[in-house]
C-alpha cells in the first residue's frame, strides 16, 4: 500500500514550532495550492485555492522553523493523515493533514534548499 502526497504551493504563515512533553519537536504550517482555469464558453478566468495543513517532526521541524517564511514557494512530500478531535457538542470530527518527510524550498538555488529527514 502507498500513502504519498506531493504538493507545490506557498506557505500561508510562518511555521509554529513547539516542544512536546516527551521532548519531541513538531512544526505546523499551512500551504496554499492554487489552480486557474478559463471558461471555454465565456473566456472568463477563474481560480481556486486549497489550503493544506502540514506538520513535520524533529530535525525537519527545526529546519522548517528556521527557513520557511510566509509566502515562500515550497515542494512538500509526505503522507496524508487525519487528526481527530471531539467537538463541543460531543461529536467526533476529523481533518486532513500532511506529515511532511521532505521539504524543498523553490527559488534561486533549489539544489541547496532541500531537506529530508
PDB file of N, CA and C in Angstrom:
ATOM      1  N   UNK A   1       0.837  -1.172   0.000  1.00  0.00           N
ATOM      2  CA  UNK A   1       0.000   0.000   0.000  1.00  0.00           C
ATOM      3  C   UNK A   1       0.886   1.240   0.000  1.00  0.00           C
ATOM      4  N   UNK A   2       0.373   2.296  -0.592  1.00  0.00           N
ATOM      5  CA  UNK A   2       1.132   3.547  -0.689  1.00  0.00           C
ATOM      6  C   UNK A   2       0.266   4.698  -0.192  1.00  0.00           C
ATOM      7  N   UNK A   3       0.839   5.540   0.628  1.00  0.00           N
ATOM      8  CA  UNK A   3       0.207   6.770   1.085  1.00  0.00           C
ATOM      9  C   UNK A   3       1.244   7.866   0.910  1.00  0.00           C
ATOM     10  N   UNK A   4       1.254   8.510  -0.248  1.00  0.00           N
ATOM     11  CA  UNK A   4       2.264   9.525  -0.557  1.00  0.00           C
ATOM     12  C   UNK A   4       1.562  10.683  -1.238  1.00  0.00           C
ATOM     13  N   UNK A   5       1.898  11.881  -0.806  1.00  0.00           N
ATOM     14  CA  UNK A   5       1.316  13.078  -1.392  1.00  0.00           C
ATOM     15  C   UNK A   5       2.426  14.067  -1.699  1.00  0.00           C
ATOM     16  N   UNK A   6       2.276  14.778  -2.808  1.00  0.00           N
ATOM     17  CA  UNK A   6       3.232  15.802  -3.228  1.00  0.00           C
ATOM     18  C   UNK A   6       2.438  17.066  -3.529  1.00  0.00           C
ATOM     19  N   UNK A   7       2.881  18.185  -2.993  1.00  0.00           N
ATOM     20  CA  UNK A   7       2.251  19.462  -3.316  1.00  0.00           C
ATOM     21  C   UNK A   7       3.338  20.520  -3.538  1.00  0.00           C
ATOM     22  N   UNK A   8       3.006  21.503  -4.349  1.00  0.00           N
ATOM     23  CA  UNK A   8       3.840  22.687  -4.532  1.00  0.00           C
ATOM     24  C   UNK A   8       2.924  23.871  -4.287  1.00  0.00           C
ATOM     25  N   UNK A   9       3.322  24.726  -3.357  1.00  0.00           N
ATOM     26  CA  UNK A   9       2.489  25.875  -3.037  1.00  0.00           C
ATOM     27  C   UNK A   9       3.245  26.878  -2.192  1.00  0.00           C
ATOM     28  N   UNK A  10       2.494  27.852  -1.706  1.00  0.00           N
ATOM     29  CA  UNK A  10       3.075  28.930  -0.905  1.00  0.00           C
ATOM     30  C   UNK A  10       2.722  28.756   0.566  1.00  0.00           C
ATOM     31  N   UNK A  11       3.703  29.034   1.433  1.00  0.00           N
ATOM     32  CA  UNK A  11       3.498  28.977   2.875  1.00  0.00           C
ATOM     33  C   UNK A  11       2.503  30.071   3.272  1.00  0.00           C
ATOM     34  N   UNK A  12       1.476  29.701   4.047  1.00  0.00           N
ATOM     35  CA  UNK A  12       0.439  30.652   4.449  1.00  0.00           C
ATOM     36  C   UNK A  12       0.863  31.570   5.574  1.00  0.00           C
ATOM     37  N   UNK A  13       1.622  31.044   6.526  1.00  0.00           N
ATOM     38  CA  UNK A  13       2.167  31.857   7.616  1.00  0.00           C
ATOM     39  C   UNK A  13       3.394  31.139   8.140  1.00  0.00           C
ATOM     40  N   UNK A  14       4.237  31.860   8.853  1.00  0.00           N
ATOM     41  CA  UNK A  14       5.459  31.258   9.387  1.00  0.00           C
ATOM     42  C   UNK A  14       5.117  30.012  10.214  1.00  0.00           C
ATOM     43  N   UNK A  15       5.917  28.957  10.109  1.00  0.00           N
ATOM     44  CA  UNK A  15       5.652  27.747  10.886  1.00  0.00           C
ATOM     45  C   UNK A  15       5.681  28.010  12.394  1.00  0.00           C
ATOM     46  N   UNK A  16       4.831  27.269  13.099  1.00  0.00           N
ATOM     47  CA  UNK A  16       4.807  27.319  14.560  1.00  0.00           C
ATOM     48  C   UNK A  16       5.459  26.037  15.061  1.00  0.00           C
ATOM     49  N   UNK A  17       6.537  26.182  15.808  1.00  0.00           N
ATOM     50  CA  UNK A  17       7.306  25.037  16.291  1.00  0.00           C
ATOM     51  C   UNK A  17       7.130  24.939  17.809  1.00  0.00           C
ATOM     52  N   UNK A  18       6.920  23.706  18.284  1.00  0.00           N
ATOM     53  CA  UNK A  18       6.806  23.538  19.730  1.00  0.00           C
ATOM     54  C   UNK A  18       7.447  22.221  20.157  1.00  0.00           C
ATOM     55  N   UNK A  19       7.857  22.201  21.402  1.00  0.00           N
ATOM     56  CA  UNK A  19       8.439  21.005  22.006  1.00  0.00           C
ATOM     57  C   UNK A  19       7.366  20.323  22.834  1.00  0.00           C
ATOM     58  N   UNK A  20       7.183  19.035  22.616  1.00  0.00           N
ATOM     59  CA  UNK A  20       6.178  18.254  23.323  1.00  0.00           C
ATOM     60  C   UNK A  20       6.713  17.789  24.677  1.00  0.00           C
ATOM     61  N   UNK A  21       5.828  17.399  25.592  1.00  0.00           N
ATOM     62  CA  UNK A  21       6.280  16.932  26.911  1.00  0.00           C
ATOM     63  C   UNK A  21       7.285  15.781  26.846  1.00  0.00           C
ATOM     64  N   UNK A  22       7.187  14.941  25.808  1.00  0.00           N
ATOM     65  CA  UNK A  22       8.123  13.818  25.674  1.00  0.00           C
ATOM     66  C   UNK A  22       9.453  14.231  25.033  1.00  0.00           C
ATOM     67  N   UNK A  23       9.608  15.531  24.736  1.00  0.00           N
ATOM     68  CA  UNK A  23      10.848  16.030  24.153  1.00  0.00           C
ATOM     69  C   UNK A  23      10.835  16.117  22.636  1.00  0.00           C
ATOM     70  N   UNK A  24       9.816  15.566  21.993  1.00  0.00           N
ATOM     71  CA  UNK A  24       9.702  15.643  20.530  1.00  0.00           C
ATOM     72  C   UNK A  24       9.424  17.069  20.078  1.00  0.00           C
ATOM     73  N   UNK A  25       9.821  17.372  18.857  1.00  0.00           N
ATOM     74  CA  UNK A  25       9.626  18.705  18.294  1.00  0.00           C
ATOM     75  C   UNK A  25       8.748  18.582  17.059  1.00  0.00           C
ATOM     76  N   UNK A  26       7.733  19.439  16.969  1.00  0.00           N
ATOM     77  CA  UNK A  26       6.830  19.440  15.822  1.00  0.00           C
ATOM     78  C   UNK A  26       6.660  20.874  15.333  1.00  0.00           C
ATOM     79  N   UNK A  27       6.647  21.022  14.001  1.00  0.00           N
ATOM     80  CA  UNK A  27       6.361  22.321  13.379  1.00  0.00           C
ATOM     81  C   UNK A  27       5.096  22.162  12.556  1.00  0.00           C
ATOM     82  N   UNK A  28       4.191  23.119  12.668  1.00  0.00           N
ATOM     83  CA  UNK A  28       2.955  23.107  11.888  1.00  0.00           C
ATOM     84  C   UNK A  28       2.897  24.377  11.056  1.00  0.00           C
ATOM     85  N   UNK A  29       2.386  24.207   9.835  1.00  0.00           N
ATOM     86  CA  UNK A  29       2.250  25.342   8.923  1.00  0.00           C
ATOM     87  C   UNK A  29       1.219  24.999   7.865  1.00  0.00           C
ATOM     88  N   UNK A  30       0.794  25.989   7.125  1.00  0.00           N
ATOM     89  CA  UNK A  30      -0.175  25.764   6.062  1.00  0.00           C
ATOM     90  C   UNK A  30       0.464  26.096   4.719  1.00  0.00           C
ATOM     91  N   UNK A  31       0.010  25.383   3.700  1.00  0.00           N
ATOM     92  CA  UNK A  31       0.479  25.601   2.336  1.00  0.00           C
ATOM     93  C   UNK A  31      -0.745  25.780   1.439  1.00  0.00           C
ATOM     94  N   UNK A  32      -0.728  26.814   0.611  1.00  0.00           N
ATOM     95  CA  UNK A  32      -1.817  27.073  -0.329  1.00  0.00           C
ATOM     96  C   UNK A  32      -1.416  26.602  -1.717  1.00  0.00           C
ATOM     97  N   UNK A  33      -2.283  25.803  -2.328  1.00  0.00           N
ATOM     98  CA  UNK A  33      -2.096  25.431  -3.728  1.00  0.00           C
ATOM     99  C   UNK A  33      -3.238  26.075  -4.511  1.00  0.00           C
ATOM    100  N   UNK A  34      -2.902  26.715  -5.618  1.00  0.00           N
ATOM    101  CA  UNK A  34      -3.892  27.434  -6.407  1.00  0.00           C
ATOM    102  C   UNK A  34      -3.887  26.915  -7.835  1.00  0.00           C
ATOM    103  N   UNK A  35      -5.080  26.703  -8.366  1.00  0.00           N
ATOM    104  CA  UNK A  35      -5.189  26.308  -9.771  1.00  0.00           C
ATOM    105  C   UNK A  35      -6.076  27.327 -10.480  1.00  0.00           C
ATOM    106  N   UNK A  36      -5.766  27.558 -11.730  1.00  0.00           N
ATOM    107  CA  UNK A  36      -6.530  28.503 -12.528  1.00  0.00           C
ATOM    108  C   UNK A  36      -7.155  27.818 -13.724  1.00  0.00           C
ATOM    109  N   UNK A  37      -8.172  28.445 -14.278  1.00  0.00           N
ATOM    110  CA  UNK A  37      -8.833  27.909 -15.459  1.00  0.00           C
ATOM    111  C   UNK A  37      -9.477  29.039 -16.240  1.00  0.00           C
ATOM    112  N   UNK A  38      -9.847  28.728 -17.457  1.00  0.00           N
ATOM    113  CA  UNK A  38     -10.570  29.650 -18.317  1.00  0.00           C
ATOM    114  C   UNK A  38     -11.834  28.956 -18.805  1.00  0.00           C
ATOM    115  N   UNK A  39     -12.971  29.603 -18.647  1.00  0.00           N
ATOM    116  CA  UNK A  39     -14.235  29.072 -19.140  1.00  0.00           C
ATOM    117  C   UNK A  39     -14.203  29.114 -20.664  1.00  0.00           C
ATOM    118  N   UNK A  40     -14.311  27.959 -21.296  1.00  0.00           N
ATOM    119  CA  UNK A  40     -14.184  27.888 -22.762  1.00  0.00           C
ATOM    120  C   UNK A  40     -15.312  28.627 -23.468  1.00  0.00           C
ATOM    121  N   UNK A  41     -16.483  28.725 -22.858  1.00  0.00           N
ATOM    122  CA  UNK A  41     -17.607  29.397 -23.499  1.00  0.00           C
ATOM    123  C   UNK A  41     -17.548  30.906 -23.361  1.00  0.00           C
ATOM    124  N   UNK A  42     -17.160  31.402 -22.175  1.00  0.00           N
ATOM    125  CA  UNK A  42     -17.187  32.848 -21.937  1.00  0.00           C
ATOM    126  C   UNK A  42     -15.815  33.504 -21.976  1.00  0.00           C
ATOM    127  N   UNK A  43     -14.761  32.691 -21.856  1.00  0.00           N
ATOM    128  CA  UNK A  43     -13.412  33.244 -21.795  1.00  0.00           C
ATOM    129  C   UNK A  43     -13.063  33.802 -20.421  1.00  0.00           C
ATOM    130  N   UNK A  44     -14.008  33.705 -19.485  1.00  0.00           N
ATOM    131  CA  UNK A  44     -13.787  34.218 -18.140  1.00  0.00           C
ATOM    132  C   UNK A  44     -12.777  33.346 -17.402  1.00  0.00           C
ATOM    133  N   UNK A  45     -11.868  34.014 -16.702  1.00  0.00           N
ATOM    134  CA  UNK A  45     -10.844  33.297 -15.946  1.00  0.00           C
ATOM    135  C   UNK A  45     -11.291  33.141 -14.498  1.00  0.00           C
ATOM    136  N   UNK A  46     -10.858  32.039 -13.900  1.00  0.00           N
ATOM    137  CA  UNK A  46     -11.175  31.783 -12.504  1.00  0.00           C
ATOM    138  C   UNK A  46     -10.012  31.079 -11.829  1.00  0.00           C
ATOM    139  N   UNK A  47     -10.063  31.021 -10.521  1.00  0.00           N
ATOM    140  CA  UNK A  47      -9.043  30.283  -9.784  1.00  0.00           C
ATOM    141  C   UNK A  47      -9.627  29.831  -8.455  1.00  0.00           C
ATOM    142  N   UNK A  48      -9.047  28.780  -7.921  1.00  0.00           N
ATOM    143  CA  UNK A  48      -9.445  28.299  -6.599  1.00  0.00           C
ATOM    144  C   UNK A  48      -8.186  27.923  -5.830  1.00  0.00           C
ATOM    145  N   UNK A  49      -8.247  28.131  -4.541  1.00  0.00           N
ATOM    146  CA  UNK A  49      -7.112  27.840  -3.668  1.00  0.00           C
ATOM    147  C   UNK A  49      -7.527  26.798  -2.647  1.00  0.00           C
ATOM    148  N   UNK A  50      -6.667  25.813  -2.444  1.00  0.00           N
ATOM    149  CA  UNK A  50      -6.864  24.797  -1.421  1.00  0.00           C
ATOM    150  C   UNK A  50      -5.770  24.977  -0.371  1.00  0.00           C
ATOM    151  N   UNK A  51      -6.184  24.983   0.888  1.00  0.00           N
ATOM    152  CA  UNK A  51      -5.224  25.111   1.993  1.00  0.00           C
ATOM    153  C   UNK A  51      -4.947  23.740   2.586  1.00  0.00           C
ATOM    154  N   UNK A  52      -3.674  23.428   2.768  1.00  0.00           N
ATOM    155  CA  UNK A  52      -3.231  22.150   3.317  1.00  0.00           C
ATOM    156  C   UNK A  52      -2.536  22.420   4.657  1.00  0.00           C
ATOM    157  N   UNK A  53      -2.975  21.710   5.689  1.00  0.00           N
ATOM    158  CA  UNK A  53      -2.295  21.764   6.979  1.00  0.00           C
ATOM    159  C   UNK A  53      -1.145  20.768   6.928  1.00  0.00           C
ATOM    160  N   UNK A  54       0.053  21.229   7.240  1.00  0.00           N
ATOM    161  CA  UNK A  54       1.245  20.379   7.185  1.00  0.00           C
ATOM    162  C   UNK A  54       1.926  20.365   8.548  1.00  0.00           C
ATOM    163  N   UNK A  55       2.603  19.268   8.818  1.00  0.00           N
ATOM    164  CA  UNK A  55       3.437  19.195  10.014  1.00  0.00           C
ATOM    165  C   UNK A  55       4.684  18.397   9.679  1.00  0.00           C
ATOM    166  N   UNK A  56       5.730  18.679  10.416  1.00  0.00           N
ATOM    167  CA  UNK A  56       6.961  17.904  10.298  1.00  0.00           C
ATOM    168  C   UNK A  56       7.567  17.795  11.692  1.00  0.00           C
ATOM    169  N   UNK A  57       8.461  16.830  11.844  1.00  0.00           N
ATOM    170  CA  UNK A  57       8.951  16.461  13.162  1.00  0.00           C
ATOM    171  C   UNK A  57      10.466  16.537  13.265  1.00  0.00           C
ATOM    172  N   UNK A  58      10.931  16.677  14.480  1.00  0.00           N
ATOM    173  CA  UNK A  58      12.341  16.617  14.873  1.00  0.00           C
ATOM    174  C   UNK A  58      13.216  17.564  14.041  1.00  0.00           C
ATOM    175  N   UNK A  59      14.268  17.053  13.387  1.00  0.00           N
ATOM    176  CA  UNK A  59      15.213  17.918  12.668  1.00  0.00           C
ATOM    177  C   UNK A  59      14.543  18.693  11.532  1.00  0.00           C
ATOM    178  N   UNK A  60      13.607  18.052  10.837  1.00  0.00           N
ATOM    179  CA  UNK A  60      12.914  18.750   9.756  1.00  0.00           C
ATOM    180  C   UNK A  60      12.075  19.898  10.317  1.00  0.00           C
ATOM    181  N   UNK A  61      11.530  19.736  11.515  1.00  0.00           N
ATOM    182  CA  UNK A  61      10.775  20.812  12.163  1.00  0.00           C
ATOM    183  C   UNK A  61      11.678  22.007  12.465  1.00  0.00           C
ATOM    184  N   UNK A  62      12.885  21.728  12.922  1.00  0.00           N
ATOM    185  CA  UNK A  62      13.844  22.808  13.200  1.00  0.00           C
ATOM    186  C   UNK A  62      14.201  23.566  11.925  1.00  0.00           C
ATOM    187  N   UNK A  63      14.386  22.828  10.835  1.00  0.00           N
ATOM    188  CA  UNK A  63      14.698  23.451   9.542  1.00  0.00           C
ATOM    189  C   UNK A  63      13.516  24.295   9.072  1.00  0.00           C
ATOM    190  N   UNK A  64      12.307  23.746   9.203  1.00  0.00           N
ATOM    191  CA  UNK A  64      11.106  24.480   8.781  1.00  0.00           C
ATOM    192  C   UNK A  64      10.972  25.787   9.542  1.00  0.00           C
ATOM    193  N   UNK A  65      11.177  25.729  10.854  1.00  0.00           N
ATOM    194  CA  UNK A  65      11.063  26.934  11.676  1.00  0.00           C
ATOM    195  C   UNK A  65      12.093  27.985  11.269  1.00  0.00           C
ATOM    196  N   UNK A  66      13.280  27.527  10.947  1.00  0.00           N
ATOM    197  CA  UNK A  66      14.374  28.457  10.628  1.00  0.00           C
ATOM    198  C   UNK A  66      14.244  29.058   9.230  1.00  0.00           C
ATOM    199  N   UNK A  67      13.819  28.267   8.242  1.00  0.00           N
ATOM    200  CA  UNK A  67      13.909  28.711   6.853  1.00  0.00           C
ATOM    201  C   UNK A  67      12.581  29.013   6.159  1.00  0.00           C
ATOM    202  N   UNK A  68      11.483  28.410   6.585  1.00  0.00           N
ATOM    203  CA  UNK A  68      10.218  28.653   5.898  1.00  0.00           C
ATOM    204  C   UNK A  68       9.584  29.942   6.399  1.00  0.00           C
ATOM    205  N   UNK A  69       9.155  30.756   5.476  1.00  0.00           N
ATOM    206  CA  UNK A  69       8.524  32.033   5.812  1.00  0.00           C
ATOM    207  C   UNK A  69       7.242  32.191   5.013  1.00  0.00           C
ATOM    208  N   UNK A  70       6.329  32.986   5.530  1.00  0.00           N
ATOM    209  CA  UNK A  70       5.076  33.259   4.842  1.00  0.00           C
ATOM    210  C   UNK A  70       5.361  33.691   3.404  1.00  0.00           C
ATOM    211  N   UNK A  71       4.663  33.069   2.463  1.00  0.00           N
ATOM    212  CA  UNK A  71       4.807  33.408   1.050  1.00  0.00           C
ATOM    213  C   UNK A  71       5.831  32.576   0.307  1.00  0.00           C
ATOM    214  N   UNK A  72       6.714  31.869   1.017  1.00  0.00           N
ATOM    215  CA  UNK A  72       7.745  31.053   0.363  1.00  0.00           C
ATOM    216  C   UNK A  72       7.101  29.960  -0.493  1.00  0.00           C
ATOM    217  N   UNK A  73       7.669  29.734  -1.679  1.00  0.00           N
ATOM    218  CA  UNK A  73       7.224  28.656  -2.546  1.00  0.00           C
ATOM    219  C   UNK A  73       7.972  27.393  -2.153  1.00  0.00           C
ATOM    220  N   UNK A  74       7.222  26.312  -1.868  1.00  0.00           N
ATOM    221  CA  UNK A  74       7.836  25.074  -1.401  1.00  0.00           C
ATOM    222  C   UNK A  74       7.236  23.855  -2.089  1.00  0.00           C
ATOM    223  N   UNK A  75       8.034  22.807  -2.139  1.00  0.00           N
ATOM    224  CA  UNK A  75       7.588  21.468  -2.532  1.00  0.00           C
ATOM    225  C   UNK A  75       7.550  20.654  -1.252  1.00  0.00           C
ATOM    226  N   UNK A  76       6.437  19.985  -1.011  1.00  0.00           N
ATOM    227  CA  UNK A  76       6.278  19.138   0.172  1.00  0.00           C
ATOM    228  C   UNK A  76       5.968  17.727  -0.298  1.00  0.00           C
ATOM    229  N   UNK A  77       6.674  16.760   0.262  1.00  0.00           N
ATOM    230  CA  UNK A  77       6.379  15.352   0.021  1.00  0.00           C
ATOM    231  C   UNK A  77       6.150  14.703   1.377  1.00  0.00           C
ATOM    232  N   UNK A  78       5.080  13.937   1.486  1.00  0.00           N
ATOM    233  CA  UNK A  78       4.786  13.297   2.754  1.00  0.00           C
ATOM    234  C   UNK A  78       3.630  12.339   2.634  1.00  0.00           C
ATOM    235  N   UNK A  79       2.957  12.099   3.762  1.00  0.00           N
ATOM    236  CA  UNK A  79       1.809  11.215   3.754  1.00  0.00           C
ATOM    237  C   UNK A  79       0.581  11.939   4.266  1.00  0.00           C
ATOM    238  N   UNK A  80      -0.593  11.549   3.752  1.00  0.00           N
ATOM    239  CA  UNK A  80      -1.869  12.131   4.168  1.00  0.00           C
ATOM    240  C   UNK A  80      -2.344  11.414   5.420  1.00  0.00           C
ATOM    241  N   UNK A  81      -2.627  12.163   6.480  1.00  0.00           N
ATOM    242  CA  UNK A  81      -3.145  11.622   7.728  1.00  0.00           C
ATOM    243  C   UNK A  81      -4.393  12.412   8.130  1.00  0.00           C
ATOM    244  N   UNK A  82      -5.077  11.942   9.159  1.00  0.00           N
ATOM    245  CA  UNK A  82      -6.253  12.648   9.677  1.00  0.00           C
ATOM    246  C   UNK A  82      -6.120  12.801  11.178  1.00  0.00           C
ATOM    247  N   UNK A  83      -6.311  14.019  11.666  1.00  0.00           N
ATOM    248  CA  UNK A  83      -6.370  14.271  13.103  1.00  0.00           C
ATOM    249  C   UNK A  83      -7.832  14.211  13.517  1.00  0.00           C
ATOM    250  N   UNK A  84      -8.084  13.634  14.667  1.00  0.00           N
ATOM    251  CA  UNK A  84      -9.441  13.553  15.178  1.00  0.00           C
ATOM    252  C   UNK A  84      -9.552  14.316  16.493  1.00  0.00           C
ATOM    253  N   UNK A  85     -10.716  14.877  16.730  1.00  0.00           N
ATOM    254  CA  UNK A  85     -10.969  15.575  17.975  1.00  0.00           C
ATOM    255  C   UNK A  85     -12.456  15.502  18.283  1.00  0.00           C
ATOM    256  N   UNK A  86     -12.817  15.846  19.504  1.00  0.00           N
ATOM    257  CA  UNK A  86     -14.210  15.866  19.925  1.00  0.00           C
ATOM    258  C   UNK A  86     -14.669  17.317  19.977  1.00  0.00           C
ATOM    259  N   UNK A  87     -15.726  17.616  19.248  1.00  0.00           N
ATOM    260  CA  UNK A  87     -16.278  18.967  19.214  1.00  0.00           C
ATOM    261  C   UNK A  87     -17.018  19.270  20.515  1.00  0.00           C
ATOM    262  N   UNK A  88     -17.376  20.528  20.715  1.00  0.00           N
ATOM    263  CA  UNK A  88     -18.074  20.936  21.936  1.00  0.00           C
ATOM    264  C   UNK A  88     -19.388  20.187  22.124  1.00  0.00           C
ATOM    265  N   UNK A  89     -20.041  19.830  21.020  1.00  0.00           N
ATOM    266  CA  UNK A  89     -21.313  19.111  21.117  1.00  0.00           C
ATOM    267  C   UNK A  89     -21.128  17.605  21.335  1.00  0.00           C
ATOM    268  N   UNK A  90     -19.868  17.160  21.472  1.00  0.00           N
ATOM    269  CA  UNK A  90     -19.583  15.754  21.732  1.00  0.00           C
ATOM    270  C   UNK A  90     -19.383  14.904  20.495  1.00  0.00           C
ATOM    271  N   UNK A  91     -19.597  15.494  19.323  1.00  0.00           N
ATOM    272  CA  UNK A  91     -19.429  14.734  18.081  1.00  0.00           C
ATOM    273  C   UNK A  91     -17.947  14.606  17.726  1.00  0.00           C
ATOM    274  N   UNK A  92     -17.623  13.524  17.049  1.00  0.00           N
ATOM    275  CA  UNK A  92     -16.252  13.284  16.600  1.00  0.00           C
ATOM    276  C   UNK A  92     -16.041  13.987  15.268  1.00  0.00           C
ATOM    277  N   UNK A  93     -14.937  14.698  15.153  1.00  0.00           N
ATOM    278  CA  UNK A  93     -14.576  15.414  13.928  1.00  0.00           C
ATOM    279  C   UNK A  93     -13.181  14.983  13.505  1.00  0.00           C
ATOM    280  N   UNK A  94     -12.902  15.119  12.233  1.00  0.00           N
ATOM    281  CA  UNK A  94     -11.543  14.849  11.754  1.00  0.00           C
ATOM    282  C   UNK A  94     -11.210  15.833  10.650  1.00  0.00           C
ATOM    283  N   UNK A  95      -9.920  16.083  10.473  1.00  0.00           N
ATOM    284  CA  UNK A  95      -9.470  16.948   9.391  1.00  0.00           C
ATOM    285  C   UNK A  95      -8.152  16.408   8.842  1.00  0.00           C
ATOM    286  N   UNK A  96      -7.939  16.611   7.545  1.00  0.00           N
ATOM    287  CA  UNK A  96      -6.724  16.074   6.924  1.00  0.00           C
ATOM    288  C   UNK A  96      -5.500  16.920   7.228  1.00  0.00           C
ATOM    289  N   UNK A  97      -4.353  16.268   7.228  1.00  0.00           N
ATOM    290  CA  UNK A  97      -3.083  16.968   7.347  1.00  0.00           C
ATOM    291  C   UNK A  97      -2.045  16.176   6.567  1.00  0.00           C
ATOM    292  N   UNK A  98      -0.959  16.837   6.257  1.00  0.00           N
ATOM    293  CA  UNK A  98       0.160  16.197   5.579  1.00  0.00           C
ATOM    294  C   UNK A  98       1.317  16.117   6.556  1.00  0.00           C
ATOM    295  N   UNK A  99       1.810  14.913   6.782  1.00  0.00           N
ATOM    296  CA  UNK A  99       3.025  14.727   7.580  1.00  0.00           C
ATOM    297  C   UNK A  99       4.173  14.752   6.585  1.00  0.00           C
ATOM    298  N   UNK A 100       4.924  15.856   6.591  1.00  0.00           N
ATOM    299  CA  UNK A 100       5.994  16.069   5.610  1.00  0.00           C
ATOM    300  C   UNK A 100       7.243  15.274   5.969  1.00  0.00           C
ATOM    301  N   UNK A 101       7.797  14.620   4.955  1.00  0.00           N
ATOM    302  CA  UNK A 101       9.073  13.915   5.095  1.00  0.00           C
ATOM    303  C   UNK A 101      10.180  14.623   4.315  1.00  0.00           C
ATOM    304  N   UNK A 102       9.770  15.440   3.339  1.00  0.00           N
ATOM    305  CA  UNK A 102      10.737  16.165   2.509  1.00  0.00           C
ATOM    306  C   UNK A 102      10.191  17.550   2.221  1.00  0.00           C
ATOM    307  N   UNK A 103      11.048  18.539   2.341  1.00  0.00           N
ATOM    308  CA  UNK A 103      10.699  19.923   2.018  1.00  0.00           C
ATOM    309  C   UNK A 103      11.776  20.468   1.103  1.00  0.00           C
ATOM    310  N   UNK A 104      11.352  21.025  -0.028  1.00  0.00           N
ATOM    311  CA  UNK A 104      12.284  21.715  -0.920  1.00  0.00           C
ATOM    312  C   UNK A 104      11.812  23.152  -1.051  1.00  0.00           C
ATOM    313  N   UNK A 105      12.708  24.068  -0.754  1.00  0.00           N
ATOM    314  CA  UNK A 105      12.399  25.474  -0.924  1.00  0.00           C
ATOM    315  C   UNK A 105      12.712  25.834  -2.360  1.00  0.00           C
ATOM    316  N   UNK A 106      11.711  26.243  -3.088  1.00  0.00           N
ATOM    317  CA  UNK A 106      11.872  26.546  -4.505  1.00  0.00           C
ATOM    318  C   UNK A 106      12.233  28.009  -4.661  1.00  0.00           C
ATOM    319  N   UNK A 107      13.273  28.265  -5.398  1.00  0.00           N
ATOM    320  CA  UNK A 107      13.738  29.626  -5.565  1.00  0.00           C
ATOM    321  C   UNK A 107      14.978  29.639  -6.414  1.00  0.00           C
ATOM    322  N   UNK A 108      15.879  30.540  -6.105  1.00  0.00           N
ATOM    323  CA  UNK A 108      17.056  30.735  -6.961  1.00  0.00           C
ATOM    324  C   UNK A 108      18.027  29.566  -6.921  1.00  0.00           C
ATOM    325  N   UNK A 109      18.122  28.846  -5.779  1.00  0.00           N
ATOM    326  CA  UNK A 109      19.074  27.742  -5.674  1.00  0.00           C
ATOM    327  C   UNK A 109      18.411  26.524  -5.036  1.00  0.00           C
ATOM    328  N   UNK A 110      17.437  25.899  -5.715  1.00  0.00           N
ATOM    329  CA  UNK A 110      16.726  24.790  -5.084  1.00  0.00           C
ATOM    330  C   UNK A 110      17.611  23.612  -4.729  1.00  0.00           C
ATOM    331  N   UNK A 111      18.731  23.419  -5.425  1.00  0.00           N
ATOM    332  CA  UNK A 111      19.585  22.266  -5.109  1.00  0.00           C
ATOM    333  C   UNK A 111      20.214  22.369  -3.731  1.00  0.00           C
ATOM    334  N   UNK A 112      20.296  23.572  -3.179  1.00  0.00           N
ATOM    335  CA  UNK A 112      20.856  23.735  -1.832  1.00  0.00           C
ATOM    336  C   UNK A 112      19.770  23.914  -0.785  1.00  0.00           C
ATOM    337  N   UNK A 113      18.528  23.836  -1.205  1.00  0.00           N
ATOM    338  CA  UNK A 113      17.427  24.114  -0.291  1.00  0.00           C
ATOM    339  C   UNK A 113      16.496  22.915  -0.107  1.00  0.00           C
ATOM    340  N   UNK A 114      17.045  21.719  -0.137  1.00  0.00           N
ATOM    341  CA  UNK A 114      16.233  20.519   0.009  1.00  0.00           C
ATOM    342  C   UNK A 114      16.591  19.829   1.319  1.00  0.00           C
ATOM    343  N   UNK A 115      15.566  19.481   2.083  1.00  0.00           N
ATOM    344  CA  UNK A 115      15.782  18.860   3.375  1.00  0.00           C
ATOM    345  C   UNK A 115      14.901  17.630   3.506  1.00  0.00           C
ATOM    346  N   UNK A 116      15.502  16.497   3.847  1.00  0.00           N
ATOM    347  CA  UNK A 116      14.789  15.256   4.094  1.00  0.00           C
ATOM    348  C   UNK A 116      15.347  14.635   5.352  1.00  0.00           C
ATOM    349  N   UNK A 117      14.458  14.211   6.247  1.00  0.00           N
ATOM    350  CA  UNK A 117      14.896  13.548   7.467  1.00  0.00           C
ATOM    351  C   UNK A 117      14.048  12.334   7.704  1.00  0.00           C
TER     352      UNK A 117
END
